[in-house]
N, C-alpha and C. Protein backbone atom coordinates (compact mmCIF):
# COMPACT_ATOMS: atom_id res chain seq x y z
N MET A 1 30.89 -46.29 -53.33
CA MET A 1 30.54 -46.26 -51.92
C MET A 1 29.96 -47.59 -51.50
N THR A 2 30.14 -47.93 -50.25
CA THR A 2 29.65 -49.17 -49.69
C THR A 2 28.21 -49.00 -49.20
N THR A 3 27.35 -49.92 -49.56
CA THR A 3 25.99 -49.92 -49.02
C THR A 3 26.05 -50.51 -47.62
N LEU A 4 25.60 -49.73 -46.64
CA LEU A 4 25.61 -50.18 -45.26
C LEU A 4 24.30 -50.87 -44.88
N MET A 5 23.19 -50.35 -45.42
CA MET A 5 21.88 -50.87 -45.06
C MET A 5 20.92 -50.62 -46.21
N SER A 6 19.97 -51.52 -46.36
CA SER A 6 18.93 -51.33 -47.37
C SER A 6 17.62 -51.90 -46.85
N THR A 7 16.53 -51.38 -47.40
CA THR A 7 15.21 -51.93 -47.10
C THR A 7 14.60 -52.39 -48.41
N HIS A 8 13.77 -53.41 -48.31
CA HIS A 8 13.13 -53.98 -49.49
C HIS A 8 11.64 -54.15 -49.20
N SER A 9 10.81 -53.40 -49.89
CA SER A 9 9.35 -53.48 -49.76
C SER A 9 8.89 -53.42 -48.31
N LEU A 10 9.49 -52.53 -47.55
CA LEU A 10 9.19 -52.41 -46.12
C LEU A 10 7.78 -51.87 -45.90
N GLN A 11 7.02 -52.57 -45.07
CA GLN A 11 5.65 -52.16 -44.76
C GLN A 11 5.44 -52.19 -43.25
N MET A 12 4.67 -51.18 -42.78
CA MET A 12 4.34 -51.12 -41.36
C MET A 12 2.99 -50.42 -41.21
N THR A 13 2.19 -50.94 -40.30
CA THR A 13 0.89 -50.34 -40.03
C THR A 13 0.78 -49.99 -38.56
N ALA A 14 -0.13 -49.09 -38.27
CA ALA A 14 -0.50 -48.75 -36.90
C ALA A 14 -1.99 -49.08 -36.79
N GLY A 15 -2.28 -50.21 -36.20
CA GLY A 15 -3.67 -50.68 -36.21
C GLY A 15 -4.01 -51.11 -37.63
N HIS A 16 -5.03 -50.51 -38.19
CA HIS A 16 -5.42 -50.83 -39.56
C HIS A 16 -4.90 -49.80 -40.56
N LEU A 17 -4.24 -48.76 -40.06
CA LEU A 17 -3.76 -47.69 -40.94
C LEU A 17 -2.31 -47.91 -41.32
N PRO A 18 -1.98 -47.80 -42.60
CA PRO A 18 -0.57 -47.96 -43.00
C PRO A 18 0.26 -46.75 -42.59
N LEU A 19 1.41 -47.02 -41.98
CA LEU A 19 2.38 -45.95 -41.72
C LEU A 19 3.20 -45.72 -42.98
N PHE A 20 3.63 -46.83 -43.58
CA PHE A 20 4.32 -46.76 -44.87
C PHE A 20 4.18 -48.09 -45.57
N ASP A 21 4.34 -48.04 -46.89
CA ASP A 21 4.05 -49.19 -47.72
C ASP A 21 5.11 -49.31 -48.82
N HIS A 22 5.79 -50.42 -48.87
CA HIS A 22 6.78 -50.72 -49.91
C HIS A 22 7.92 -49.71 -49.98
N ILE A 23 8.55 -49.44 -48.84
CA ILE A 23 9.71 -48.54 -48.84
C ILE A 23 10.94 -49.33 -49.27
N ASN A 24 11.61 -48.81 -50.28
CA ASN A 24 12.89 -49.34 -50.73
C ASN A 24 13.90 -48.23 -50.54
N LEU A 25 14.89 -48.48 -49.72
CA LEU A 25 15.85 -47.45 -49.34
C LEU A 25 17.24 -48.06 -49.28
N GLY A 26 18.22 -47.35 -49.78
CA GLY A 26 19.61 -47.77 -49.66
C GLY A 26 20.40 -46.69 -48.95
N ILE A 27 21.18 -47.07 -47.95
CA ILE A 27 22.01 -46.12 -47.21
C ILE A 27 23.46 -46.49 -47.46
N GLN A 28 24.18 -45.56 -48.04
CA GLN A 28 25.59 -45.74 -48.39
C GLN A 28 26.49 -45.11 -47.32
N SER A 29 27.72 -45.58 -47.21
CA SER A 29 28.66 -44.92 -46.31
C SER A 29 28.82 -43.47 -46.77
N GLY A 30 28.82 -42.57 -45.82
CA GLY A 30 28.94 -41.14 -46.13
C GLY A 30 27.61 -40.43 -46.33
N ASP A 31 26.51 -41.17 -46.45
CA ASP A 31 25.19 -40.54 -46.61
C ASP A 31 24.78 -39.82 -45.34
N ARG A 32 24.08 -38.71 -45.54
CA ARG A 32 23.44 -37.98 -44.45
C ARG A 32 22.00 -37.75 -44.88
N LEU A 33 21.09 -38.39 -44.17
CA LEU A 33 19.68 -38.35 -44.55
C LEU A 33 18.86 -37.77 -43.41
N GLY A 34 17.76 -37.15 -43.75
CA GLY A 34 16.84 -36.64 -42.75
C GLY A 34 15.42 -37.00 -43.13
N LEU A 35 14.57 -37.15 -42.13
CA LEU A 35 13.15 -37.43 -42.35
C LEU A 35 12.36 -36.26 -41.80
N ILE A 36 11.44 -35.75 -42.58
CA ILE A 36 10.57 -34.67 -42.14
C ILE A 36 9.13 -35.13 -42.34
N GLY A 37 8.32 -34.96 -41.32
CA GLY A 37 6.91 -35.33 -41.45
C GLY A 37 6.15 -34.98 -40.21
N ALA A 38 4.84 -35.08 -40.31
CA ALA A 38 3.96 -34.76 -39.19
C ALA A 38 4.14 -35.78 -38.06
N ASN A 39 3.75 -35.37 -36.86
CA ASN A 39 3.76 -36.30 -35.74
C ASN A 39 2.87 -37.50 -36.07
N GLY A 40 3.36 -38.68 -35.75
CA GLY A 40 2.56 -39.88 -35.93
C GLY A 40 2.60 -40.50 -37.31
N CYS A 41 3.43 -39.98 -38.22
CA CYS A 41 3.43 -40.54 -39.57
C CYS A 41 4.44 -41.67 -39.76
N GLY A 42 5.20 -42.03 -38.71
CA GLY A 42 6.04 -43.21 -38.80
C GLY A 42 7.54 -42.97 -38.85
N LYS A 43 8.00 -41.76 -38.62
CA LYS A 43 9.45 -41.49 -38.68
C LYS A 43 10.21 -42.29 -37.62
N SER A 44 9.76 -42.22 -36.37
CA SER A 44 10.42 -42.96 -35.29
C SER A 44 10.31 -44.46 -35.50
N THR A 45 9.17 -44.90 -36.01
CA THR A 45 8.98 -46.34 -36.29
C THR A 45 9.96 -46.80 -37.36
N LEU A 46 10.14 -46.02 -38.40
CA LEU A 46 11.10 -46.39 -39.45
C LEU A 46 12.50 -46.49 -38.88
N LEU A 47 12.91 -45.54 -38.05
CA LEU A 47 14.24 -45.60 -37.45
C LEU A 47 14.39 -46.84 -36.56
N ALA A 48 13.37 -47.15 -35.78
CA ALA A 48 13.42 -48.33 -34.92
C ALA A 48 13.50 -49.61 -35.76
N LEU A 49 12.82 -49.64 -36.89
CA LEU A 49 12.92 -50.79 -37.81
C LEU A 49 14.33 -50.91 -38.36
N LEU A 50 14.89 -49.80 -38.80
CA LEU A 50 16.26 -49.81 -39.34
C LEU A 50 17.26 -50.28 -38.29
N ALA A 51 17.02 -49.89 -37.04
CA ALA A 51 17.93 -50.26 -35.95
C ALA A 51 17.72 -51.69 -35.47
N GLY A 52 16.67 -52.35 -35.95
CA GLY A 52 16.40 -53.72 -35.53
C GLY A 52 15.64 -53.82 -34.23
N GLU A 53 15.11 -52.70 -33.73
CA GLU A 53 14.35 -52.73 -32.49
C GLU A 53 12.89 -53.14 -32.70
N LEU A 54 12.42 -53.05 -33.93
CA LEU A 54 11.08 -53.50 -34.31
C LEU A 54 11.20 -54.38 -35.54
N GLN A 55 10.22 -55.22 -35.76
CA GLN A 55 10.16 -56.04 -36.96
C GLN A 55 9.08 -55.49 -37.88
N PRO A 56 9.33 -55.42 -39.18
CA PRO A 56 8.31 -54.91 -40.10
C PRO A 56 7.16 -55.91 -40.24
N HIS A 57 6.01 -55.40 -40.61
CA HIS A 57 4.89 -56.28 -40.90
C HIS A 57 5.11 -57.05 -42.19
N ASP A 58 5.85 -56.44 -43.10
CA ASP A 58 6.22 -57.11 -44.33
C ASP A 58 7.49 -56.43 -44.86
N GLY A 59 8.21 -57.12 -45.72
CA GLY A 59 9.46 -56.60 -46.24
C GLY A 59 10.61 -56.92 -45.31
N ARG A 60 11.77 -56.35 -45.62
CA ARG A 60 12.94 -56.65 -44.79
C ARG A 60 13.92 -55.49 -44.77
N VAL A 61 14.72 -55.49 -43.71
CA VAL A 61 15.84 -54.57 -43.56
C VAL A 61 17.09 -55.43 -43.61
N GLN A 62 18.03 -55.02 -44.44
CA GLN A 62 19.26 -55.79 -44.59
C GLN A 62 20.44 -54.91 -44.23
N GLN A 63 21.26 -55.41 -43.28
CA GLN A 63 22.48 -54.71 -42.89
C GLN A 63 23.66 -55.43 -43.50
N ALA A 64 24.53 -54.67 -44.13
CA ALA A 64 25.75 -55.25 -44.69
C ALA A 64 26.72 -55.59 -43.56
N ALA A 65 27.63 -56.52 -43.83
CA ALA A 65 28.59 -56.95 -42.82
C ALA A 65 29.40 -55.79 -42.23
N PRO A 66 29.82 -54.80 -43.03
CA PRO A 66 30.61 -53.73 -42.42
C PRO A 66 29.80 -52.69 -41.65
N CYS A 67 28.48 -52.85 -41.58
CA CYS A 67 27.62 -51.85 -40.93
C CYS A 67 27.71 -51.96 -39.41
N ARG A 68 28.06 -50.86 -38.78
CA ARG A 68 28.05 -50.74 -37.31
C ARG A 68 27.03 -49.65 -36.98
N CYS A 69 25.80 -50.05 -36.84
CA CYS A 69 24.68 -49.13 -36.68
C CYS A 69 24.39 -48.87 -35.20
N GLU A 70 24.20 -47.61 -34.86
CA GLU A 70 23.76 -47.22 -33.53
C GLU A 70 22.53 -46.34 -33.66
N PHE A 71 21.59 -46.51 -32.75
CA PHE A 71 20.32 -45.80 -32.76
C PHE A 71 20.21 -44.97 -31.49
N VAL A 72 20.00 -43.68 -31.65
CA VAL A 72 19.77 -42.79 -30.52
C VAL A 72 18.28 -42.46 -30.53
N ALA A 73 17.54 -43.11 -29.63
CA ALA A 73 16.09 -42.91 -29.53
C ALA A 73 15.79 -41.61 -28.79
N GLN A 74 14.52 -41.26 -28.75
CA GLN A 74 14.12 -40.02 -28.08
C GLN A 74 14.27 -40.09 -26.57
N HIS A 75 14.23 -41.31 -26.01
CA HIS A 75 14.29 -41.47 -24.56
C HIS A 75 15.29 -42.56 -24.20
N LEU A 76 15.88 -42.41 -23.04
CA LEU A 76 16.82 -43.40 -22.52
C LEU A 76 16.05 -44.71 -22.28
N PRO A 77 16.60 -45.86 -22.69
CA PRO A 77 15.91 -47.14 -22.47
C PRO A 77 15.60 -47.36 -20.98
N PRO A 78 14.45 -47.93 -20.68
CA PRO A 78 14.06 -48.14 -19.27
C PRO A 78 15.08 -48.91 -18.44
N ARG A 79 15.77 -49.86 -19.05
CA ARG A 79 16.72 -50.67 -18.28
C ARG A 79 17.89 -49.84 -17.75
N LEU A 80 18.09 -48.63 -18.31
CA LEU A 80 19.20 -47.78 -17.87
C LEU A 80 18.75 -46.70 -16.89
N GLN A 81 17.46 -46.56 -16.66
CA GLN A 81 16.93 -45.47 -15.85
C GLN A 81 17.45 -45.47 -14.41
N GLY A 82 17.77 -46.62 -13.85
CA GLY A 82 18.22 -46.69 -12.46
C GLY A 82 19.73 -46.55 -12.29
N LEU A 83 20.45 -46.37 -13.38
CA LEU A 83 21.91 -46.31 -13.30
C LEU A 83 22.41 -44.87 -13.13
N GLY A 84 23.68 -44.77 -12.78
CA GLY A 84 24.34 -43.47 -12.73
C GLY A 84 24.84 -43.10 -14.12
N THR A 85 25.20 -41.85 -14.30
CA THR A 85 25.63 -41.33 -15.59
C THR A 85 26.83 -42.10 -16.14
N ARG A 86 27.86 -42.26 -15.30
CA ARG A 86 29.06 -43.00 -15.73
C ARG A 86 28.70 -44.44 -16.09
N ALA A 87 27.86 -45.07 -15.29
CA ALA A 87 27.48 -46.47 -15.52
C ALA A 87 26.73 -46.63 -16.84
N VAL A 88 25.94 -45.63 -17.23
CA VAL A 88 25.22 -45.71 -18.51
C VAL A 88 26.21 -45.72 -19.67
N LEU A 89 27.27 -44.93 -19.56
CA LEU A 89 28.29 -44.93 -20.61
C LEU A 89 29.11 -46.23 -20.57
N GLN A 90 29.43 -46.71 -19.37
CA GLN A 90 30.17 -47.97 -19.25
C GLN A 90 29.37 -49.13 -19.83
N ASP A 91 28.06 -49.09 -19.65
CA ASP A 91 27.20 -50.12 -20.20
C ASP A 91 27.32 -50.20 -21.73
N ALA A 92 27.53 -49.07 -22.37
CA ALA A 92 27.68 -49.04 -23.84
C ALA A 92 28.91 -49.83 -24.28
N LEU A 93 29.88 -49.94 -23.40
CA LEU A 93 31.11 -50.67 -23.72
C LEU A 93 31.14 -52.02 -23.01
N ALA A 94 29.96 -52.51 -22.67
CA ALA A 94 29.79 -53.82 -22.01
C ALA A 94 30.58 -53.92 -20.71
N GLY A 95 30.70 -52.79 -20.01
CA GLY A 95 31.36 -52.80 -18.71
C GLY A 95 32.84 -53.10 -18.76
N ASP A 96 33.49 -52.95 -19.91
CA ASP A 96 34.92 -53.22 -20.07
C ASP A 96 35.72 -52.27 -19.17
N PRO A 97 36.37 -52.80 -18.10
CA PRO A 97 37.12 -51.92 -17.19
C PRO A 97 38.30 -51.22 -17.88
N GLY A 98 38.81 -51.81 -18.96
CA GLY A 98 39.90 -51.18 -19.69
C GLY A 98 39.45 -49.97 -20.50
N ALA A 99 38.15 -49.76 -20.57
CA ALA A 99 37.60 -48.66 -21.37
C ALA A 99 37.24 -47.44 -20.52
N ASP A 100 37.62 -47.45 -19.24
CA ASP A 100 37.28 -46.32 -18.36
C ASP A 100 37.79 -44.99 -18.89
N TRP A 101 38.95 -45.01 -19.53
CA TRP A 101 39.49 -43.76 -20.06
C TRP A 101 38.59 -43.21 -21.17
N GLN A 102 37.98 -44.12 -21.96
CA GLN A 102 37.06 -43.66 -23.01
C GLN A 102 35.80 -43.05 -22.40
N VAL A 103 35.32 -43.65 -21.33
CA VAL A 103 34.14 -43.13 -20.63
C VAL A 103 34.46 -41.75 -20.06
N ASP A 104 35.63 -41.61 -19.41
CA ASP A 104 36.02 -40.32 -18.84
C ASP A 104 36.15 -39.25 -19.93
N LYS A 105 36.73 -39.63 -21.04
CA LYS A 105 36.88 -38.68 -22.16
C LYS A 105 35.51 -38.27 -22.69
N MET A 106 34.60 -39.23 -22.80
CA MET A 106 33.26 -38.92 -23.30
C MET A 106 32.50 -38.04 -22.32
N LEU A 107 32.63 -38.29 -21.04
CA LEU A 107 31.98 -37.43 -20.05
C LEU A 107 32.44 -35.98 -20.21
N THR A 108 33.73 -35.80 -20.48
CA THR A 108 34.27 -34.45 -20.69
C THR A 108 33.70 -33.85 -21.97
N GLU A 109 33.70 -34.62 -23.06
CA GLU A 109 33.18 -34.11 -24.33
C GLU A 109 31.70 -33.75 -24.24
N LEU A 110 30.96 -34.49 -23.42
CA LEU A 110 29.52 -34.24 -23.27
C LEU A 110 29.23 -33.17 -22.22
N GLN A 111 30.28 -32.68 -21.58
CA GLN A 111 30.17 -31.71 -20.49
C GLN A 111 29.30 -32.27 -19.36
N LEU A 112 29.57 -33.53 -19.01
CA LEU A 112 28.82 -34.21 -17.95
C LEU A 112 29.75 -34.71 -16.83
N GLU A 113 30.96 -34.17 -16.75
CA GLU A 113 31.90 -34.64 -15.71
C GLU A 113 31.32 -34.44 -14.32
N GLU A 114 30.69 -33.30 -14.07
CA GLU A 114 30.15 -33.01 -12.74
C GLU A 114 28.95 -33.90 -12.40
N GLN A 115 28.32 -34.47 -13.41
CA GLN A 115 27.15 -35.32 -13.19
C GLN A 115 27.50 -36.81 -13.27
N ALA A 116 28.79 -37.13 -13.34
CA ALA A 116 29.23 -38.51 -13.59
C ALA A 116 28.67 -39.50 -12.58
N GLU A 117 28.55 -39.13 -11.33
CA GLU A 117 28.09 -40.06 -10.30
C GLU A 117 26.62 -39.89 -9.96
N LEU A 118 25.96 -38.95 -10.61
CA LEU A 118 24.53 -38.75 -10.36
C LEU A 118 23.70 -39.82 -11.06
N PRO A 119 22.54 -40.16 -10.48
CA PRO A 119 21.63 -41.05 -11.22
C PRO A 119 21.10 -40.33 -12.45
N VAL A 120 20.86 -41.05 -13.52
CA VAL A 120 20.38 -40.40 -14.75
C VAL A 120 19.03 -39.74 -14.54
N SER A 121 18.29 -40.17 -13.54
CA SER A 121 16.99 -39.54 -13.25
C SER A 121 17.16 -38.09 -12.81
N ALA A 122 18.36 -37.71 -12.37
CA ALA A 122 18.63 -36.33 -11.94
C ALA A 122 19.06 -35.43 -13.09
N LEU A 123 19.25 -35.99 -14.29
CA LEU A 123 19.71 -35.21 -15.43
C LEU A 123 18.54 -34.52 -16.13
N SER A 124 18.85 -33.42 -16.80
CA SER A 124 17.85 -32.72 -17.60
C SER A 124 17.61 -33.49 -18.90
N GLY A 125 16.58 -33.09 -19.63
CA GLY A 125 16.31 -33.72 -20.92
C GLY A 125 17.46 -33.58 -21.89
N GLY A 126 18.07 -32.40 -21.94
CA GLY A 126 19.22 -32.18 -22.82
C GLY A 126 20.42 -33.03 -22.44
N GLN A 127 20.63 -33.21 -21.13
CA GLN A 127 21.72 -34.07 -20.67
C GLN A 127 21.45 -35.52 -21.04
N HIS A 128 20.19 -35.95 -20.96
CA HIS A 128 19.83 -37.31 -21.40
C HIS A 128 20.15 -37.48 -22.88
N THR A 129 19.81 -36.49 -23.69
CA THR A 129 20.07 -36.57 -25.13
C THR A 129 21.57 -36.68 -25.39
N ARG A 130 22.35 -35.83 -24.73
CA ARG A 130 23.81 -35.89 -24.91
C ARG A 130 24.36 -37.22 -24.44
N LEU A 131 23.84 -37.74 -23.33
CA LEU A 131 24.29 -39.02 -22.80
C LEU A 131 24.02 -40.15 -23.79
N GLN A 132 22.85 -40.16 -24.39
CA GLN A 132 22.53 -41.19 -25.38
C GLN A 132 23.42 -41.07 -26.61
N LEU A 133 23.67 -39.87 -27.04
CA LEU A 133 24.57 -39.67 -28.18
C LEU A 133 25.97 -40.18 -27.83
N GLY A 134 26.42 -39.88 -26.62
CA GLY A 134 27.73 -40.37 -26.17
C GLY A 134 27.81 -41.89 -26.14
N ARG A 135 26.73 -42.54 -25.68
CA ARG A 135 26.69 -44.02 -25.68
C ARG A 135 26.90 -44.55 -27.09
N ALA A 136 26.20 -43.95 -28.03
CA ALA A 136 26.31 -44.40 -29.42
C ALA A 136 27.71 -44.17 -29.96
N LEU A 137 28.27 -43.00 -29.71
CA LEU A 137 29.59 -42.67 -30.26
C LEU A 137 30.70 -43.53 -29.66
N LEU A 138 30.54 -43.96 -28.41
CA LEU A 138 31.54 -44.85 -27.81
C LEU A 138 31.68 -46.16 -28.58
N ARG A 139 30.63 -46.58 -29.24
CA ARG A 139 30.67 -47.83 -30.00
C ARG A 139 31.21 -47.65 -31.41
N GLN A 140 31.59 -46.43 -31.76
CA GLN A 140 32.22 -46.09 -33.04
C GLN A 140 31.41 -46.59 -34.25
N PRO A 141 30.17 -46.08 -34.38
CA PRO A 141 29.34 -46.51 -35.51
C PRO A 141 29.79 -45.90 -36.82
N ASN A 142 29.45 -46.57 -37.91
CA ASN A 142 29.60 -45.95 -39.23
C ASN A 142 28.23 -45.60 -39.80
N LEU A 143 27.17 -45.90 -39.03
CA LEU A 143 25.82 -45.48 -39.36
C LEU A 143 25.14 -45.10 -38.05
N LEU A 144 24.75 -43.84 -37.95
CA LEU A 144 24.15 -43.32 -36.73
C LEU A 144 22.73 -42.86 -37.05
N LEU A 145 21.75 -43.48 -36.37
CA LEU A 145 20.34 -43.14 -36.55
C LEU A 145 19.91 -42.28 -35.36
N LEU A 146 19.48 -41.06 -35.63
CA LEU A 146 19.12 -40.12 -34.58
C LEU A 146 17.63 -39.81 -34.68
N ASP A 147 16.89 -40.07 -33.61
CA ASP A 147 15.46 -39.79 -33.57
C ASP A 147 15.24 -38.52 -32.74
N GLU A 148 14.83 -37.45 -33.41
CA GLU A 148 14.60 -36.15 -32.76
C GLU A 148 15.85 -35.72 -31.98
N PRO A 149 17.00 -35.64 -32.64
CA PRO A 149 18.25 -35.40 -31.92
C PRO A 149 18.35 -34.04 -31.24
N SER A 150 17.59 -33.06 -31.69
CA SER A 150 17.71 -31.75 -31.06
C SER A 150 16.68 -31.53 -29.95
N ASN A 151 15.81 -32.53 -29.68
CA ASN A 151 14.86 -32.39 -28.57
C ASN A 151 15.60 -32.16 -27.27
N HIS A 152 15.16 -31.22 -26.50
CA HIS A 152 15.67 -30.92 -25.16
C HIS A 152 17.04 -30.27 -25.16
N LEU A 153 17.63 -30.02 -26.34
CA LEU A 153 18.96 -29.41 -26.36
C LEU A 153 18.83 -27.89 -26.41
N ASP A 154 19.79 -27.23 -25.77
CA ASP A 154 19.85 -25.78 -25.87
C ASP A 154 20.32 -25.42 -27.28
N PRO A 155 20.11 -24.18 -27.71
CA PRO A 155 20.46 -23.80 -29.09
C PRO A 155 21.93 -24.05 -29.47
N VAL A 156 22.85 -23.84 -28.54
CA VAL A 156 24.27 -24.06 -28.85
C VAL A 156 24.54 -25.54 -29.13
N SER A 157 24.02 -26.42 -28.25
CA SER A 157 24.21 -27.86 -28.45
C SER A 157 23.50 -28.32 -29.71
N SER A 158 22.33 -27.79 -29.96
CA SER A 158 21.54 -28.17 -31.12
C SER A 158 22.25 -27.82 -32.42
N ASN A 159 22.97 -26.71 -32.45
CA ASN A 159 23.69 -26.31 -33.66
C ASN A 159 24.76 -27.31 -34.07
N HIS A 160 25.30 -28.05 -33.10
CA HIS A 160 26.32 -29.06 -33.41
C HIS A 160 25.74 -30.24 -34.18
N LEU A 161 24.41 -30.38 -34.17
CA LEU A 161 23.76 -31.52 -34.82
C LEU A 161 23.19 -31.17 -36.19
N THR A 162 23.40 -29.95 -36.66
CA THR A 162 22.84 -29.52 -37.94
C THR A 162 23.43 -30.36 -39.07
N LEU A 163 22.54 -30.84 -39.95
CA LEU A 163 23.00 -31.61 -41.10
C LEU A 163 23.67 -30.68 -42.10
N PRO A 164 24.75 -31.11 -42.73
CA PRO A 164 25.41 -30.30 -43.74
C PRO A 164 24.53 -30.12 -44.98
N THR A 165 24.90 -29.18 -45.82
CA THR A 165 24.07 -28.86 -46.98
C THR A 165 24.04 -29.98 -48.02
N ASN A 166 24.95 -30.93 -47.98
CA ASN A 166 24.93 -32.03 -48.94
C ASN A 166 24.08 -33.20 -48.45
N SER A 167 23.23 -32.95 -47.48
CA SER A 167 22.37 -33.99 -46.93
C SER A 167 21.11 -34.15 -47.76
N THR A 168 20.53 -35.33 -47.68
CA THR A 168 19.26 -35.61 -48.33
C THR A 168 18.18 -35.62 -47.25
N VAL A 169 17.11 -34.89 -47.47
CA VAL A 169 16.01 -34.85 -46.52
C VAL A 169 14.80 -35.49 -47.18
N TYR A 170 14.25 -36.51 -46.53
CA TYR A 170 13.04 -37.16 -47.03
C TYR A 170 11.84 -36.48 -46.39
N ASP A 171 10.96 -35.98 -47.22
CA ASP A 171 9.79 -35.26 -46.76
C ASP A 171 8.62 -36.22 -46.64
N TRP A 172 8.16 -36.45 -45.41
CA TRP A 172 7.06 -37.35 -45.17
C TRP A 172 5.77 -36.58 -44.95
N THR A 173 5.67 -35.38 -45.48
CA THR A 173 4.49 -34.58 -45.24
C THR A 173 3.25 -35.17 -45.88
N GLU A 174 3.43 -36.10 -46.83
CA GLU A 174 2.25 -36.74 -47.40
C GLU A 174 1.52 -37.59 -46.37
N CYS A 175 2.15 -37.82 -45.22
CA CYS A 175 1.51 -38.60 -44.16
C CYS A 175 0.47 -37.78 -43.41
N GLU A 176 0.43 -36.48 -43.63
CA GLU A 176 -0.50 -35.63 -42.86
C GLU A 176 -1.93 -35.94 -43.20
């Protein structure tokens, strides 16, 4: 299997308290991993570090050349808050007018066709979550980082995000 991403002695603190210390992690193509831990123990921070949205206090995150990583955060980025639903998806494809068919197809798959011209501020929390997932999928990642992916989703939508039984779950309960 191809290593898509790895961390080496990754360290991060919140103020004077360590969130994590010397994390060494390798993510291979085909891996399905989960993080479980108490609120505030660093799960979202670790995902943001892996996605390159934050820099570690020490250590490094290394992405292999074939890695196409997408990060679905808990909330829509502020720069997208003033856009319409369709425009948020178009933004994921850098506004490529030739990609309109992909945006239309994704709107259908996300069951957001009726909301296509609405501002994202008019969407429910679950619709925001689906919209962010759609943005990521339009970019065709081979590594998808999901932060609280079932937040705001109804039970039917949430069931589509269940990790298969061959997944690895990292238990961060020692952070409590």
